[in-house]
Protein backbone atom coordinates (compact mmCIF):
# COMPACT_ATOMS: atom_id res chain seq x y z
CA UNK A 1 -1.30 -10.85 -9.43
CA UNK A 2 -2.64 -9.34 -12.57
CA UNK A 3 -1.82 -6.22 -14.51
CA UNK A 4 -4.51 -4.31 -12.62
CA UNK A 5 -2.79 -5.06 -9.31
CA UNK A 6 0.57 -3.83 -10.58
CA UNK A 7 -0.84 -0.54 -11.84
CA UNK A 8 -2.64 0.09 -8.58
CA UNK A 9 0.47 -0.70 -6.57
CA UNK A 10 2.64 1.57 -8.75
CA UNK A 11 0.16 4.44 -8.31
CA UNK A 12 0.36 3.95 -4.54
CA UNK A 13 4.17 3.99 -4.70
CA UNK A 14 4.07 7.34 -6.53
CA UNK A 15 1.77 8.82 -3.88
CA UNK A 16 3.91 7.50 -1.03
CA UNK A 17 7.07 8.87 -2.67
CA UNK A 18 5.37 12.28 -2.93
CA UNK A 19 4.88 12.18 0.85
CA UNK A 20 8.57 11.55 1.51
CA UNK A 21 8.28 7.84 2.24
CA UNK A 22 10.46 5.18 0.62
CA UNK A 23 8.24 2.76 -1.29
CA UNK A 24 8.67 0.07 -3.91
CA UNK A 25 6.75 -2.83 -5.36
CA UNK A 26 8.15 -6.19 -4.23
CA UNK A 27 7.32 -9.48 -5.93
CA UNK A 28 7.53 -12.79 -4.11
CA UNK A 29 8.90 -15.87 -5.88
CA UNK A 30 5.28 -17.04 -6.31
CA UNK A 31 4.45 -13.82 -8.16
CA UNK A 32 2.46 -12.06 -5.46
CA UNK A 33 3.17 -8.35 -5.19
CA UNK A 34 3.01 -5.82 -2.38
CA UNK A 35 4.30 -2.35 -1.61
CA UNK A 36 7.07 -2.13 0.98
CA UNK A 37 6.95 1.29 2.65
CA UNK A 38 9.58 2.70 5.02
CA UNK A 39 9.77 6.03 6.81
CA UNK A 40 13.31 7.22 5.98
CA UNK A 41 13.43 9.27 9.20
CA UNK A 42 12.71 6.18 11.33
CA UNK A 43 13.44 3.00 9.39
CA UNK A 44 11.84 0.80 12.04
CA UNK A 45 8.52 2.33 10.94
CA UNK A 46 7.58 0.20 7.95
CA UNK A 47 4.56 -1.49 6.43
CA UNK A 48 3.67 -3.87 3.61
CA UNK A 49 0.53 -3.02 1.65
CA UNK A 50 -1.22 -5.37 -0.76
CA UNK A 51 -3.95 -4.72 -3.30
CA UNK A 52 -6.73 -7.17 -4.07
CA UNK A 53 -10.42 -7.46 -4.64
CA UNK A 54 -12.87 -7.88 -1.82
CA UNK A 55 -13.57 -11.64 -1.59
CA UNK A 56 -17.35 -11.21 -1.89
CA UNK A 57 -18.78 -12.05 -5.33
CA UNK A 58 -21.32 -9.23 -5.37
CA UNK A 59 -18.73 -6.63 -4.26
CA UNK A 60 -15.57 -7.18 -6.30
CA UNK A 61 -14.12 -3.71 -5.70
CA UNK A 62 -10.36 -3.36 -5.37
CA UNK A 63 -8.84 -2.27 -2.05
CA UNK A 64 -5.46 -1.71 -0.48
CA UNK A 65 -4.95 -3.94 2.56
CA UNK A 66 -2.74 -3.61 5.65
CA UNK A 67 -0.20 -6.37 6.30
CA UNK A 68 -2.38 -7.84 9.06
CA UNK A 69 -5.22 -8.44 6.58
CA UNK A 70 -7.46 -5.49 7.36
CA UNK A 71 -8.99 -3.59 4.46
CA UNK A 72 -7.43 -0.10 4.39
CA UNK A 73 -8.75 2.04 1.52
CA UNK A 74 -10.32 1.85 -1.94
CA UNK A 75 -7.73 1.27 -4.66
CA UNK A 76 -9.28 3.90 -6.92
CA UNK A 77 -7.98 6.54 -4.46
CA UNK A 78 -4.24 5.91 -4.02
CA UNK A 79 -3.74 9.43 -2.62
CA UNK A 80 -6.18 8.70 0.21
CA UNK A 81 -4.47 5.38 0.90
CA UNK A 82 -1.04 7.04 0.94
CA UNK A 83 -2.29 9.61 3.44
CA UNK A 84 -3.39 6.80 5.78
CA UNK A 85 -0.06 4.99 5.46
CA UNK A 86 1.87 8.23 6.05
CA UNK A 87 -0.15 8.89 9.20
CA UNK A 88 0.56 5.39 10.54
CA UNK A 89 4.29 5.65 9.79
CA UNK A 90 4.69 9.20 11.11
CA UNK A 91 7.31 9.94 13.74
CA UNK A 92 5.55 11.23 16.84
CA UNK A 93 7.13 13.88 19.04
CA UNK A 94 9.43 15.63 16.57
């Protein structure tokens, strides 16, 4: 992953931290990076978020992606992406 990916992932980490979630950038041995996010109030609630360009030549915008491969949110809005992740990892019924 390039420098652009790292910066986008780090900005997402900062937004997730601000929402009380535990988040960090993880790098695989092959150099791929993703954000590992955990709800500290319910550690079984976790998600891995990647950042990459849309694989369509005429639309090369950057997006955050859920672990199952679904496009989540534009990477130029890490606060909006963090809000979505926080909603998914929220503890229901407290």
